[in-house]
Amino acid sequence: MTKISKFKIILAACFLLMAASSAEAARLYFEPQEQVIGTEKDFSVVVSIDAGKSINAIQAVLYIPQELVPIDISEGNSIINFWVEKPNFDEATRLLTFSGIIPGGFQGEKAPLLIVKFKTAKQEGKAILVFNKQKTKVYLHTPEGVEDFLELESLTLPIARGKENIGVEIIDSDPPEDFRPEISRDQNIFENRWFLVFATQDKGLGIARYEVCEGNKRKCALAESPYLLENQKLNKNIFVKAVDKNGNERIAIIPAQKARAWYKNYAILAILMLAVIAYLIGKNLWPKFIK
């Protein structure tokens, strides 16, 4: 076999290996609602992923140019079930960042991570959405959490003056998913005082806010997990309300952890007094007792 033949075989093997790696690599990309966007009305872009191997963690940073103004970020249909950092846009740096975990892992195509609704800056030209290569990563669903090969695709959107975008309306009439808040404490958090941890998902428009009500359903406070409890005695019911972006609610209840002393519970005291009176009357002891 000549040196040229050996070189061709090695070269072919390298190409096959590269093709195999490319086929298995995860791919992050944008799915535009329209190929050309207009200056009239808003439009949406879906941040999606293809994963040839099972992945369970994603960290992403994408740059949003001045030509676009993000007006809403929905994670309702996302394959990410647990957010380490919820989607956040920094207007100063023009960076949108998020990270999260997929318990059980994901392997497949065209899986949505976010839906970002934009409006244009009322000018012609083009807008380019790009991922930050250094800060955008995915990790394999393995005990070691090995970083996976990742292909990043940018999106160039021409802007046409006077063109009207097609609005996408998501109907969301379902409440957030059922969830179970937990009470805990730790020496390294809130000086070992009792706090609350909670999280849920909404497969419609996404979660808008959480509220915590201690003892009174009508007196609630906006809350983020972990939440330091005001009532450290834990002797009142706790209501945790998850509200989605369409106003649908789901309430989880944690019963009082420590019952009040019996003499502080006036309803119980009244019942006991009536029971004693009934006993005395039944035994014909009541006239003697009141004397």
C-alpha atoms as a PDB file:
ATOM      1  CA  MET A   1       0.000   0.000   0.000  1.00  0.00           C
ATOM      2  CA  THR A   2       1.427   3.382  -1.021  1.00  0.00           C
ATOM      3  CA  LYS A   3       1.853   6.354   1.295  1.00  0.00           C
ATOM      4  CA  ILE A   4      -0.836   8.238  -0.678  1.00  0.00           C
ATOM      5  CA  SER A   5      -3.356   5.394  -0.137  1.00  0.00           C
ATOM      6  CA  LYS A   6      -2.617   5.284   3.605  1.00  0.00           C
ATOM      7  CA  PHE A   7      -3.073   9.052   3.809  1.00  0.00           C
ATOM      8  CA  LYS A   8      -6.447   8.785   2.042  1.00  0.00           C
ATOM      9  CA  ILE A   9      -7.628   6.075   4.438  1.00  0.00           C
ATOM     10  CA  ILE A  10      -6.577   8.117   7.505  1.00  0.00           C
ATOM     11  CA  LEU A  11      -8.199  11.220   6.060  1.00  0.00           C
ATOM     12  CA  ALA A  12     -11.442   9.349   5.375  1.00  0.00           C
ATOM     13  CA  ALA A  13     -11.455   7.941   8.929  1.00  0.00           C
ATOM     14  CA  CYS A  14     -10.997  11.446  10.343  1.00  0.00           C
ATOM     15  CA  PHE A  15     -13.945  12.718   8.312  1.00  0.00           C
ATOM     16  CA  LEU A  16     -16.106   9.831   9.554  1.00  0.00           C
ATOM     17  CA  LEU A  17     -15.172  10.555  13.170  1.00  0.00           C
ATOM     18  CA  MET A  18     -15.916  14.249  12.703  1.00  0.00           C
ATOM     19  CA  ALA A  19     -19.283  13.449  11.121  1.00  0.00           C
ATOM     20  CA  ALA A  20     -20.192  11.087  13.982  1.00  0.00           C
ATOM     21  CA  SER A  21     -19.237  13.698  16.605  1.00  0.00           C
ATOM     22  CA  SER A  22     -21.238  16.348  14.754  1.00  0.00           C
ATOM     23  CA  ALA A  23     -24.320  14.106  14.599  1.00  0.00           C
ATOM     24  CA  GLU A  24     -24.203  13.439  18.347  1.00  0.00           C
ATOM     25  CA  ALA A  25     -23.354  16.992  19.420  1.00  0.00           C
ATOM     26  CA  ALA A  26     -26.051  19.092  21.042  1.00  0.00           C
ATOM     27  CA  ARG A  27     -27.264  22.067  19.014  1.00  0.00           C
ATOM     28  CA  LEU A  28     -28.656  25.350  20.335  1.00  0.00           C
ATOM     29  CA  TYR A  29     -30.524  27.496  17.849  1.00  0.00           C
ATOM     30  CA  PHE A  30     -33.369  29.967  17.287  1.00  0.00           C
ATOM     31  CA  GLU A  31     -36.668  29.243  15.583  1.00  0.00           C
ATOM     32  CA  PRO A  32     -38.041  32.459  14.101  1.00  0.00           C
ATOM     33  CA  GLN A  33     -41.723  33.074  13.770  1.00  0.00           C
ATOM     34  CA  GLU A  34     -40.968  34.816  10.488  1.00  0.00           C
ATOM     35  CA  GLN A  35     -37.862  34.982   8.290  1.00  0.00           C
ATOM     36  CA  VAL A  36     -38.300  38.738   7.814  1.00  0.00           C
ATOM     37  CA  ILE A  37     -39.631  40.815  10.696  1.00  0.00           C
ATOM     38  CA  GLY A  38     -41.515  44.082  10.497  1.00  0.00           C
ATOM     39  CA  THR A  39     -41.676  47.249  12.537  1.00  0.00           C
ATOM     40  CA  GLU A  40     -45.373  46.751  13.293  1.00  0.00           C
ATOM     41  CA  LYS A  41     -46.517  44.598  16.252  1.00  0.00           C
ATOM     42  CA  ASP A  42     -44.417  42.185  18.256  1.00  0.00           C
ATOM     43  CA  PHE A  43     -43.067  38.786  17.261  1.00  0.00           C
ATOM     44  CA  SER A  44     -41.623  35.740  19.031  1.00  0.00           C
ATOM     45  CA  VAL A  45     -38.417  33.739  18.817  1.00  0.00           C
ATOM     46  CA  VAL A  46     -38.055  30.261  20.338  1.00  0.00           C
ATOM     47  CA  VAL A  47     -34.705  29.214  21.813  1.00  0.00           C
ATOM     48  CA  SER A  48     -34.524  25.475  21.068  1.00  0.00           C
ATOM     49  CA  ILE A  49     -32.144  22.561  21.489  1.00  0.00           C
ATOM     50  CA  ASP A  50     -31.382  19.264  19.753  1.00  0.00           C
ATOM     51  CA  ALA A  51     -29.567  16.658  21.839  1.00  0.00           C
ATOM     52  CA  GLY A  52     -28.049  13.539  20.298  1.00  0.00           C
ATOM     53  CA  LYS A  53     -27.110  12.297  23.775  1.00  0.00           C
ATOM     54  CA  SER A  54     -29.060  12.630  26.995  1.00  0.00           C
ATOM     55  CA  ILE A  55     -28.347  15.968  28.696  1.00  0.00           C
ATOM     56  CA  ASN A  56     -29.528  17.232  32.069  1.00  0.00           C
ATOM     57  CA  ALA A  57     -28.126  20.744  32.557  1.00  0.00           C
ATOM     58  CA  ILE A  58     -27.960  23.882  30.436  1.00  0.00           C
ATOM     59  CA  GLN A  59     -26.262  27.240  30.928  1.00  0.00           C
ATOM     60  CA  ALA A  60     -26.802  29.863  28.240  1.00  0.00           C
ATOM     61  CA  VAL A  61     -25.956  33.476  27.538  1.00  0.00           C
ATOM     62  CA  LEU A  62     -27.233  35.180  24.396  1.00  0.00           C
ATOM     63  CA  TYR A  63     -26.723  38.664  23.048  1.00  0.00           C
ATOM     64  CA  ILE A  64     -29.737  40.749  22.027  1.00  0.00           C
ATOM     65  CA  PRO A  65     -28.880  43.617  19.657  1.00  0.00           C
ATOM     66  CA  GLN A  66     -30.103  47.183  20.036  1.00  0.00           C
ATOM     67  CA  GLU A  67     -32.525  46.675  17.121  1.00  0.00           C
ATOM     68  CA  LEU A  68     -34.686  44.407  19.284  1.00  0.00           C
ATOM     69  CA  VAL A  69     -36.502  45.122  22.542  1.00  0.00           C
ATOM     70  CA  PRO A  70     -37.478  42.058  24.650  1.00  0.00           C
ATOM     71  CA  ILE A  71     -40.923  42.607  26.160  1.00  0.00           C
ATOM     72  CA  ASP A  72     -41.655  39.166  27.623  1.00  0.00           C
ATOM     73  CA  ILE A  73     -39.847  35.895  28.338  1.00  0.00           C
ATOM     74  CA  SER A  74     -41.926  32.745  28.726  1.00  0.00           C
ATOM     75  CA  GLU A  75     -40.541  29.471  30.052  1.00  0.00           C
ATOM     76  CA  GLY A  76     -43.934  27.746  30.305  1.00  0.00           C
ATOM     77  CA  ASN A  77     -43.255  25.046  27.699  1.00  0.00           C
ATOM     78  CA  SER A  78     -39.568  24.653  28.510  1.00  0.00           C
ATOM     79  CA  ILE A  79     -37.999  21.220  28.975  1.00  0.00           C
ATOM     80  CA  ILE A  80     -36.102  22.768  31.903  1.00  0.00           C
ATOM     81  CA  ASN A  81     -37.937  21.720  35.059  1.00  0.00           C
ATOM     82  CA  PHE A  82     -35.715  23.360  37.666  1.00  0.00           C
ATOM     83  CA  TRP A  83     -34.258  26.835  37.166  1.00  0.00           C
ATOM     84  CA  VAL A  84     -30.892  27.548  38.758  1.00  0.00           C
ATOM     85  CA  GLU A  85     -31.040  31.052  37.272  1.00  0.00           C
ATOM     86  CA  LYS A  86     -34.349  32.148  35.810  1.00  0.00           C
ATOM     87  CA  PRO A  87     -34.169  33.983  32.460  1.00  0.00           C
ATOM     88  CA  ASN A  88     -32.894  37.494  33.078  1.00  0.00           C
ATOM     89  CA  PHE A  89     -32.157  40.280  30.608  1.00  0.00           C
ATOM     90  CA  ASP A  90     -29.552  42.939  31.482  1.00  0.00           C
ATOM     91  CA  GLU A  91     -30.274  46.032  29.419  1.00  0.00           C
ATOM     92  CA  ALA A  92     -26.819  47.515  30.069  1.00  0.00           C
ATOM     93  CA  THR A  93     -24.902  44.535  28.628  1.00  0.00           C
ATOM     94  CA  ARG A  94     -27.747  43.391  26.310  1.00  0.00           C
ATOM     95  CA  LEU A  95     -27.249  39.841  27.630  1.00  0.00           C
ATOM     96  CA  LEU A  96     -30.017  37.370  28.369  1.00  0.00           C
ATOM     97  CA  THR A  97     -28.812  34.646  30.745  1.00  0.00           C
ATOM     98  CA  PHE A  98     -30.391  31.515  32.163  1.00  0.00           C
ATOM     99  CA  SER A  99     -29.432  28.105  33.521  1.00  0.00           C
ATOM    100  CA  GLY A 100     -31.375  25.078  34.637  1.00  0.00           C
ATOM    101  CA  ILE A 101     -31.613  21.351  35.198  1.00  0.00           C
ATOM    102  CA  ILE A 102     -33.633  18.643  33.446  1.00  0.00           C
ATOM    103  CA  PRO A 103     -34.202  15.854  36.010  1.00  0.00           C
ATOM    104  CA  GLY A 104     -34.100  12.514  34.215  1.00  0.00           C
ATOM    105  CA  GLY A 105     -32.323  14.058  31.233  1.00  0.00           C
ATOM    106  CA  PHE A 106     -33.448  14.875  27.689  1.00  0.00           C
ATOM    107  CA  GLN A 107     -32.540  13.423  24.314  1.00  0.00           C
ATOM    108  CA  GLY A 108     -34.359  14.492  21.167  1.00  0.00           C
ATOM    109  CA  GLU A 109     -34.997  17.335  18.737  1.00  0.00           C
ATOM    110  CA  LYS A 110     -36.718  20.712  18.629  1.00  0.00           C
ATOM    111  CA  ALA A 111     -37.121  21.023  22.388  1.00  0.00           C
ATOM    112  CA  PRO A 112     -38.064  24.552  23.509  1.00  0.00           C
ATOM    113  CA  LEU A 113     -36.085  26.276  26.258  1.00  0.00           C
ATOM    114  CA  LEU A 114     -37.556  29.781  26.097  1.00  0.00           C
ATOM    115  CA  ILE A 115     -39.956  31.867  24.064  1.00  0.00           C
ATOM    116  CA  VAL A 116     -38.834  35.490  23.849  1.00  0.00           C
ATOM    117  CA  LYS A 117     -41.292  38.110  22.638  1.00  0.00           C
ATOM    118  CA  PHE A 118     -39.729  41.142  20.938  1.00  0.00           C
ATOM    119  CA  LYS A 119     -40.658  44.419  19.382  1.00  0.00           C
ATOM    120  CA  THR A 120     -38.390  46.216  16.935  1.00  0.00           C
ATOM    121  CA  ALA A 121     -36.720  49.584  17.411  1.00  0.00           C
ATOM    122  CA  LYS A 122     -38.764  51.054  14.531  1.00  0.00           C
ATOM    123  CA  GLN A 123     -36.058  51.037  11.891  1.00  0.00           C
ATOM    124  CA  GLU A 124     -34.945  49.103   8.844  1.00  0.00           C
ATOM    125  CA  GLY A 125     -31.817  46.984   8.824  1.00  0.00           C
ATOM    126  CA  LYS A 126     -31.130  43.617  10.409  1.00  0.00           C
ATOM    127  CA  ALA A 127     -30.914  42.102  13.860  1.00  0.00           C
ATOM    128  CA  ILE A 128     -28.525  39.268  14.763  1.00  0.00           C
ATOM    129  CA  LEU A 129     -29.091  37.002  17.759  1.00  0.00           C
ATOM    130  CA  VAL A 130     -25.978  35.125  18.910  1.00  0.00           C
ATOM    131  CA  PHE A 131     -24.948  32.874  21.814  1.00  0.00           C
ATOM    132  CA  ASN A 132     -21.861  33.600  23.910  1.00  0.00           C
ATOM    133  CA  LYS A 133     -19.552  30.686  23.043  1.00  0.00           C
ATOM    134  CA  GLN A 134     -17.538  30.808  26.284  1.00  0.00           C
ATOM    135  CA  LYS A 135     -20.500  30.984  28.652  1.00  0.00           C
ATOM    136  CA  THR A 136     -23.019  28.720  26.911  1.00  0.00           C
ATOM    137  CA  LYS A 137     -22.685  25.055  27.894  1.00  0.00           C
ATOM    138  CA  VAL A 138     -24.676  21.821  28.153  1.00  0.00           C
ATOM    139  CA  TYR A 139     -23.846  18.826  30.349  1.00  0.00           C
ATOM    140  CA  LEU A 140     -24.449  15.134  29.780  1.00  0.00           C
ATOM    141  CA  HIS A 141     -26.840  13.163  31.965  1.00  0.00           C
ATOM    142  CA  THR A 142     -24.080  11.238  33.718  1.00  0.00           C
ATOM    143  CA  PRO A 143     -22.902  11.022  37.345  1.00  0.00           C
ATOM    144  CA  GLU A 144     -19.817  13.047  36.391  1.00  0.00           C
ATOM    145  CA  GLY A 145     -21.814  15.777  34.626  1.00  0.00           C
ATOM    146  CA  VAL A 146     -19.416  15.900  31.663  1.00  0.00           C
ATOM    147  CA  GLU A 147     -19.730  18.891  29.335  1.00  0.00           C
ATOM    148  CA  ASP A 148     -21.155  17.905  25.947  1.00  0.00           C
ATOM    149  CA  PHE A 149     -20.047  19.038  22.491  1.00  0.00           C
ATOM    150  CA  LEU A 150     -22.211  21.985  21.526  1.00  0.00           C
ATOM    151  CA  GLU A 151     -23.037  23.655  18.224  1.00  0.00           C
ATOM    152  CA  LEU A 152     -24.298  27.222  18.447  1.00  0.00           C
ATOM    153  CA  GLU A 153     -26.286  28.799  15.638  1.00  0.00           C
ATOM    154  CA  SER A 154     -26.901  32.514  15.289  1.00  0.00           C
ATOM    155  CA  LEU A 155     -29.993  34.060  13.685  1.00  0.00           C
ATOM    156  CA  THR A 156     -30.044  36.998  11.302  1.00  0.00           C
ATOM    157  CA  LEU A 157     -33.409  38.730  10.950  1.00  0.00           C
ATOM    158  CA  PRO A 158     -33.902  41.385   8.258  1.00  0.00           C
ATOM    159  CA  ILE A 159     -36.193  44.214   9.408  1.00  0.00           C
ATOM    160  CA  ALA A 160     -38.656  45.646   6.892  1.00  0.00           C
ATOM    161  CA  ARG A 161     -40.303  48.990   7.583  1.00  0.00           C
ATOM    162  CA  GLY A 162     -44.086  48.880   7.469  1.00  0.00           C
ATOM    163  CA  LYS A 163     -44.334  45.082   7.588  1.00  0.00           C
ATOM    164  CA  GLU A 164     -46.769  43.776  10.184  1.00  0.00           C
ATOM    165  CA  ASN A 165     -45.698  40.779  12.227  1.00  0.00           C
ATOM    166  CA  ILE A 166     -48.067  37.905  12.922  1.00  0.00           C
ATOM    167  CA  GLY A 167     -48.864  37.816  16.629  1.00  0.00           C
ATOM    168  CA  VAL A 168     -48.811  34.467  18.443  1.00  0.00           C
ATOM    169  CA  GLU A 169     -51.356  34.111  21.241  1.00  0.00           C
ATOM    170  CA  ILE A 170     -50.904  31.346  23.811  1.00  0.00           C
ATOM    171  CA  ILE A 171     -54.129  30.317  25.532  1.00  0.00           C
ATOM    172  CA  ASP A 172     -53.418  29.525  29.177  1.00  0.00           C
ATOM    173  CA  SER A 173     -56.394  28.555  31.326  1.00  0.00           C
ATOM    174  CA  ASP A 174     -54.678  25.913  33.479  1.00  0.00           C
ATOM    175  CA  PRO A 175     -53.185  26.671  36.905  1.00  0.00           C
ATOM    176  CA  PRO A 176     -49.529  25.953  37.722  1.00  0.00           C
ATOM    177  CA  GLU A 177     -48.662  22.357  38.528  1.00  0.00           C
ATOM    178  CA  ASP A 178     -49.200  20.935  42.000  1.00  0.00           C
ATOM    179  CA  PHE A 179     -46.238  21.390  44.358  1.00  0.00           C
ATOM    180  CA  ARG A 180     -45.128  20.787  47.937  1.00  0.00           C
ATOM    181  CA  PRO A 181     -43.250  23.568  49.751  1.00  0.00           C
ATOM    182  CA  GLU A 182     -40.859  22.466  52.486  1.00  0.00           C
ATOM    183  CA  ILE A 183     -39.858  24.073  55.781  1.00  0.00           C
ATOM    184  CA  SER A 184     -36.183  23.822  56.656  1.00  0.00           C
ATOM    185  CA  ARG A 185     -33.309  25.516  58.425  1.00  0.00           C
ATOM    186  CA  ASP A 186     -29.550  25.501  58.060  1.00  0.00           C
ATOM    187  CA  GLN A 187     -26.703  27.050  60.021  1.00  0.00           C
ATOM    188  CA  ASN A 188     -25.409  28.694  56.823  1.00  0.00           C
ATOM    189  CA  ILE A 189     -28.731  30.234  55.765  1.00  0.00           C
ATOM    190  CA  PHE A 190     -30.691  32.971  57.565  1.00  0.00           C
ATOM    191  CA  GLU A 191     -28.689  32.394  60.781  1.00  0.00           C
ATOM    192  CA  ASN A 192     -30.286  28.980  61.346  1.00  0.00           C
ATOM    193  CA  ARG A 193     -33.825  30.406  61.335  1.00  0.00           C
ATOM    194  CA  TRP A 194     -36.732  28.585  59.729  1.00  0.00           C
ATOM    195  CA  PHE A 195     -37.223  29.233  56.030  1.00  0.00           C
ATOM    196  CA  LEU A 196     -39.410  27.976  53.208  1.00  0.00           C
ATOM    197  CA  VAL A 197     -38.334  26.443  49.883  1.00  0.00           C
ATOM    198  CA  PHE A 198     -40.727  25.994  46.967  1.00  0.00           C
ATOM    199  CA  ALA A 199     -40.898  25.688  43.184  1.00  0.00           C
ATOM    200  CA  THR A 200     -43.359  24.601  40.532  1.00  0.00           C
ATOM    201  CA  GLN A 201     -43.878  24.725  36.776  1.00  0.00           C
ATOM    202  CA  ASP A 202     -46.519  26.220  34.517  1.00  0.00           C
ATOM    203  CA  LYS A 203     -46.823  24.725  31.042  1.00  0.00           C
ATOM    204  CA  GLY A 204     -48.740  27.694  29.690  1.00  0.00           C
ATOM    205  CA  LEU A 205     -47.208  31.159  29.862  1.00  0.00           C
ATOM    206  CA  GLY A 206     -44.958  30.449  32.853  1.00  0.00           C
ATOM    207  CA  ILE A 207     -44.887  31.504  36.512  1.00  0.00           C
ATOM    208  CA  ALA A 208     -45.313  35.226  37.167  1.00  0.00           C
ATOM    209  CA  ARG A 209     -44.828  35.304  40.949  1.00  0.00           C
ATOM    210  CA  TYR A 210     -45.113  33.515  44.281  1.00  0.00           C
ATOM    211  CA  GLU A 211     -46.885  34.738  47.410  1.00  0.00           C
ATOM    212  CA  VAL A 212     -46.530  33.441  50.975  1.00  0.00           C
ATOM    213  CA  CYS A 213     -49.303  33.900  53.541  1.00  0.00           C
ATOM    214  CA  GLU A 214     -48.556  33.027  57.177  1.00  0.00           C
ATOM    215  CA  GLY A 215     -51.700  32.239  59.148  1.00  0.00           C
ATOM    216  CA  ASN A 216     -53.966  34.489  57.072  1.00  0.00           C
ATOM    217  CA  LYS A 217     -54.876  33.781  53.439  1.00  0.00           C
ATOM    218  CA  ARG A 218     -55.620  37.434  52.825  1.00  0.00           C
ATOM    219  CA  LYS A 219     -52.349  38.803  54.159  1.00  0.00           C
ATOM    220  CA  CYS A 220     -49.648  37.680  51.726  1.00  0.00           C
ATOM    221  CA  ALA A 221     -46.172  38.818  50.741  1.00  0.00           C
ATOM    222  CA  LEU A 222     -44.378  38.482  47.434  1.00  0.00           C
ATOM    223  CA  ALA A 223     -41.756  35.791  47.879  1.00  0.00           C
ATOM    224  CA  GLU A 224     -38.802  34.044  46.327  1.00  0.00           C
ATOM    225  CA  SER A 225     -37.365  30.704  47.370  1.00  0.00           C
ATOM    226  CA  PRO A 226     -35.765  30.409  49.892  1.00  0.00           C
ATOM    227  CA  TYR A 227     -38.109  32.595  51.966  1.00  0.00           C
ATOM    228  CA  LEU A 228     -37.406  33.521  55.605  1.00  0.00           C
ATOM    229  CA  LEU A 229     -40.512  32.848  57.681  1.00  0.00           C
ATOM    230  CA  GLU A 230     -41.762  35.663  59.894  1.00  0.00           C
ATOM    231  CA  ASN A 231     -43.500  33.253  62.284  1.00  0.00           C
ATOM    232  CA  GLN A 232     -40.567  31.267  63.684  1.00  0.00           C
ATOM    233  CA  LYS A 233     -42.856  29.418  66.122  1.00  0.00           C
ATOM    234  CA  LEU A 234     -44.384  27.556  63.139  1.00  0.00           C
ATOM    235  CA  ASN A 235     -47.733  27.450  64.938  1.00  0.00           C
ATOM    236  CA  LYS A 236     -49.760  28.844  62.019  1.00  0.00           C
ATOM    237  CA  ASN A 237     -50.806  27.419  58.688  1.00  0.00           C
ATOM    238  CA  ILE A 238     -48.686  28.569  55.750  1.00  0.00           C
ATOM    239  CA  PHE A 239     -50.188  29.170  52.313  1.00  0.00           C
ATOM    240  CA  VAL A 240     -47.910  29.357  49.265  1.00  0.00           C
ATOM    241  CA  LYS A 241     -49.552  30.735  46.164  1.00  0.00           C
ATOM    242  CA  ALA A 242     -48.090  30.291  42.649  1.00  0.00           C
ATOM    243  CA  VAL A 243     -49.564  32.672  40.068  1.00  0.00           C
ATOM    244  CA  ASP A 244     -48.940  32.279  36.322  1.00  0.00           C
ATOM    245  CA  LYS A 245     -48.743  35.090  33.770  1.00  0.00           C
ATOM    246  CA  ASN A 246     -52.430  34.738  32.939  1.00  0.00           C
ATOM    247  CA  GLY A 247     -53.529  35.041  36.585  1.00  0.00           C
ATOM    248  CA  ASN A 248     -54.227  31.339  37.182  1.00  0.00           C
ATOM    249  CA  GLU A 249     -53.362  30.264  40.732  1.00  0.00           C
ATOM    250  CA  ARG A 250     -52.285  27.158  42.608  1.00  0.00           C
ATOM    251  CA  ILE A 251     -52.178  27.184  46.434  1.00  0.00           C
ATOM    252  CA  ALA A 252     -50.172  24.754  48.536  1.00  0.00           C
ATOM    253  CA  ILE A 253     -50.874  24.529  52.271  1.00  0.00           C
ATOM    254  CA  ILE A 254     -48.457  23.574  55.046  1.00  0.00           C
ATOM    255  CA  PRO A 255     -50.308  22.838  58.313  1.00  0.00           C
ATOM    256  CA  ALA A 256     -49.045  24.392  61.537  1.00  0.00           C
ATOM    257  CA  GLN A 257     -45.991  22.455  62.694  1.00  0.00           C
ATOM    258  CA  LYS A 258     -46.439  23.171  66.407  1.00  0.00           C
ATOM    259  CA  ALA A 259     -49.905  23.262  67.943  1.00  0.00           C
ATOM    260  CA  ARG A 260     -50.841  26.127  70.257  1.00  0.00           C
ATOM    261  CA  ALA A 261     -51.098  25.481  73.960  1.00  0.00           C
ATOM    262  CA  TRP A 262     -54.610  24.257  74.748  1.00  0.00           C
ATOM    263  CA  TYR A 263     -55.362  27.204  76.994  1.00  0.00           C
ATOM    264  CA  LYS A 264     -54.607  29.620  74.117  1.00  0.00           C
ATOM    265  CA  ASN A 265     -57.102  27.958  71.850  1.00  0.00           C
ATOM    266  CA  TYR A 266     -60.351  29.547  73.020  1.00  0.00           C
ATOM    267  CA  ALA A 267     -62.577  27.385  70.850  1.00  0.00           C
ATOM    268  CA  ILE A 268     -61.213  24.248  72.496  1.00  0.00           C
ATOM    269  CA  LEU A 269     -61.571  25.861  75.951  1.00  0.00           C
ATOM    270  CA  ALA A 270     -65.239  26.675  75.288  1.00  0.00           C
ATOM    271  CA  ILE A 271     -65.933  23.119  74.125  1.00  0.00           C
ATOM    272  CA  LEU A 272     -64.309  21.706  77.264  1.00  0.00           C
ATOM    273  CA  MET A 273     -66.387  23.984  79.495  1.00  0.00           C
ATOM    274  CA  LEU A 274     -69.623  22.905  77.815  1.00  0.00           C
ATOM    275  CA  ALA A 275     -68.604  19.267  78.189  1.00  0.00           C
ATOM    276  CA  VAL A 276     -68.032  19.751  81.935  1.00  0.00           C
ATOM    277  CA  ILE A 277     -71.410  21.488  82.345  1.00  0.00           C
ATOM    278  CA  ALA A 278     -73.163  18.710  80.452  1.00  0.00           C
ATOM    279  CA  TYR A 279     -71.492  16.109  82.672  1.00  0.00           C
ATOM    280  CA  LEU A 280     -72.547  17.899  85.856  1.00  0.00           C
ATOM    281  CA  ILE A 281     -76.133  18.251  84.671  1.00  0.00           C
ATOM    282  CA  GLY A 282     -76.230  14.624  83.673  1.00  0.00           C
ATOM    283  CA  LYS A 283     -75.056  13.568  87.138  1.00  0.00           C
ATOM    284  CA  ASN A 284     -77.428  16.008  88.859  1.00  0.00           C
ATOM    285  CA  LEU A 285     -74.426  17.778  90.324  1.00  0.00           C
ATOM    286  CA  TRP A 286     -75.026  21.153  88.673  1.00  0.00           C
ATOM    287  CA  PRO A 287     -77.133  22.699  91.534  1.00  0.00           C
ATOM    288  CA  LYS A 288     -74.478  21.697  94.059  1.00  0.00           C
ATOM    289  CA  PHE A 289     -71.707  23.019  91.821  1.00  0.00           C
ATOM    290  CA  ILE A 290     -73.227  26.494  91.349  1.00  0.00           C
ATOM    291  CA  LYS A 291     -73.759  26.828  95.133  1.00  0.00           C
END
